[in-house]
Amino acid sequence: AIPNDPEKPMVTSGVRIGTPAMTTRGFGEEEARLTAHMIADVLDKPRDPDNIASVRSRVNALTARFPVYR
């Protein structure tokens, strides 16, 4: 549940990030922070192609450092 959210728990009203998926990849605190900043960047300018391209590049760089399979 989201604190102070007027919606019922079964109504999607926020973004939920599963930390187990992050830790499975080996993400630590810094990578979690980077992930949060990238999400915020997309939410700030969702229709800006340059912004989306920049975030995509950063996501690719981050996930290349922490592959799902080795």
C-alpha atoms as a PDB file:
ATOM      1  CA  ALA A   1       0.000   0.000   0.000  1.00  0.00           C
ATOM      2  CA  ILE A   2       1.057   3.561  -0.609  1.00  0.00           C
ATOM      3  CA  PRO A   3       0.901   5.764   2.522  1.00  0.00           C
ATOM      4  CA  ASN A   4      -2.144   8.085   2.505  1.00  0.00           C
ATOM      5  CA  ASP A   5      -3.388   6.606  -0.775  1.00  0.00           C
ATOM      6  CA  PRO A   6      -7.184   6.948  -0.925  1.00  0.00           C
ATOM      7  CA  GLU A   7      -7.467   3.978  -3.300  1.00  0.00           C
ATOM      8  CA  LYS A   8      -8.133   0.435  -2.145  1.00  0.00           C
ATOM      9  CA  PRO A   9      -5.110  -1.922  -2.182  1.00  0.00           C
ATOM     10  CA  MET A  10      -6.441  -3.770  -5.238  1.00  0.00           C
ATOM     11  CA  VAL A  11      -6.492  -0.553  -7.337  1.00  0.00           C
ATOM     12  CA  THR A  12      -3.228   0.221  -9.098  1.00  0.00           C
ATOM     13  CA  SER A  13      -2.335   3.791  -8.210  1.00  0.00           C
ATOM     14  CA  GLY A  14       1.443   3.899  -8.035  1.00  0.00           C
ATOM     15  CA  VAL A  15       4.664   2.388  -9.259  1.00  0.00           C
ATOM     16  CA  ARG A  16       5.875  -0.674  -7.375  1.00  0.00           C
ATOM     17  CA  ILE A  17       9.508  -1.645  -7.721  1.00  0.00           C
ATOM     18  CA  GLY A  18      10.351  -5.185  -6.722  1.00  0.00           C
ATOM     19  CA  THR A  19      13.610  -5.036  -4.813  1.00  0.00           C
ATOM     20  CA  PRO A  20      14.139  -8.821  -5.090  1.00  0.00           C
ATOM     21  CA  ALA A  21      14.594  -8.383  -8.847  1.00  0.00           C
ATOM     22  CA  MET A  22      17.211  -5.722  -8.177  1.00  0.00           C
ATOM     23  CA  THR A  23      19.132  -7.716  -5.585  1.00  0.00           C
ATOM     24  CA  THR A  24      19.020 -10.837  -7.768  1.00  0.00           C
ATOM     25  CA  ARG A  25      20.978  -8.875 -10.365  1.00  0.00           C
ATOM     26  CA  GLY A  26      23.426  -7.767  -7.692  1.00  0.00           C
ATOM     27  CA  PHE A  27      22.249  -4.163  -7.417  1.00  0.00           C
ATOM     28  CA  GLY A  28      23.303  -2.354  -4.264  1.00  0.00           C
ATOM     29  CA  GLU A  29      22.215   0.969  -2.797  1.00  0.00           C
ATOM     30  CA  GLU A  30      23.889   3.042  -5.514  1.00  0.00           C
ATOM     31  CA  GLU A  31      22.238   1.069  -8.318  1.00  0.00           C
ATOM     32  CA  ALA A  32      18.865   1.399  -6.569  1.00  0.00           C
ATOM     33  CA  ARG A  33      19.404   5.160  -6.414  1.00  0.00           C
ATOM     34  CA  LEU A  34      20.344   5.273 -10.101  1.00  0.00           C
ATOM     35  CA  THR A  35      17.242   3.247 -10.973  1.00  0.00           C
ATOM     36  CA  ALA A  36      15.020   5.642  -9.019  1.00  0.00           C
ATOM     37  CA  HIS A  37      16.581   8.644 -10.762  1.00  0.00           C
ATOM     38  CA  MET A  38      16.055   7.073 -14.186  1.00  0.00           C
ATOM     39  CA  ILE A  39      12.396   6.375 -13.409  1.00  0.00           C
ATOM     40  CA  ALA A  40      11.972   9.969 -12.218  1.00  0.00           C
ATOM     41  CA  ASP A  41      13.653  11.280 -15.371  1.00  0.00           C
ATOM     42  CA  VAL A  42      11.170   9.398 -17.563  1.00  0.00           C
ATOM     43  CA  LEU A  43       8.217  10.551 -15.457  1.00  0.00           C
ATOM     44  CA  ASP A  44       9.422  14.173 -15.641  1.00  0.00           C
ATOM     45  CA  LYS A  45       9.605  14.197 -19.469  1.00  0.00           C
ATOM     46  CA  PRO A  46       7.766  11.143 -20.812  1.00  0.00           C
ATOM     47  CA  ARG A  47       7.334  12.536 -24.334  1.00  0.00           C
ATOM     48  CA  ASP A  48      10.821  13.973 -24.815  1.00  0.00           C
ATOM     49  CA  PRO A  49      12.656  11.690 -27.280  1.00  0.00           C
ATOM     50  CA  ASP A  50      16.092  12.943 -26.188  1.00  0.00           C
ATOM     51  CA  ASN A  51      15.259  12.242 -22.541  1.00  0.00           C
ATOM     52  CA  ILE A  52      13.975   8.754 -23.356  1.00  0.00           C
ATOM     53  CA  ALA A  53      17.094   8.015 -25.424  1.00  0.00           C
ATOM     54  CA  SER A  54      19.327   9.213 -22.590  1.00  0.00           C
ATOM     55  CA  VAL A  55      17.549   7.055 -20.023  1.00  0.00           C
ATOM     56  CA  ARG A  56      17.572   4.062 -22.377  1.00  0.00           C
ATOM     57  CA  SER A  57      21.331   4.439 -22.765  1.00  0.00           C
ATOM     58  CA  ARG A  58      21.825   4.604 -18.986  1.00  0.00           C
ATOM     59  CA  VAL A  59      19.575   1.563 -18.463  1.00  0.00           C
ATOM     60  CA  ASN A  60      21.561  -0.395 -21.049  1.00  0.00           C
ATOM     61  CA  ALA A  61      24.854   0.555 -19.396  1.00  0.00           C
ATOM     62  CA  LEU A  62      23.587  -0.369 -15.933  1.00  0.00           C
ATOM     63  CA  THR A  63      22.079  -3.697 -16.945  1.00  0.00           C
ATOM     64  CA  ALA A  64      25.213  -4.604 -18.932  1.00  0.00           C
ATOM     65  CA  ARG A  65      27.173  -4.332 -15.680  1.00  0.00           C
ATOM     66  CA  PHE A  66      24.664  -6.590 -13.894  1.00  0.00           C
ATOM     67  CA  PRO A  67      23.466  -9.255 -16.353  1.00  0.00           C
ATOM     68  CA  VAL A  68      20.659 -11.623 -15.374  1.00  0.00           C
ATOM     69  CA  TYR A  69      22.676 -14.595 -16.616  1.00  0.00           C
ATOM     70  CA  ARG A  70      26.448 -14.936 -16.434  1.00  0.00           C
END
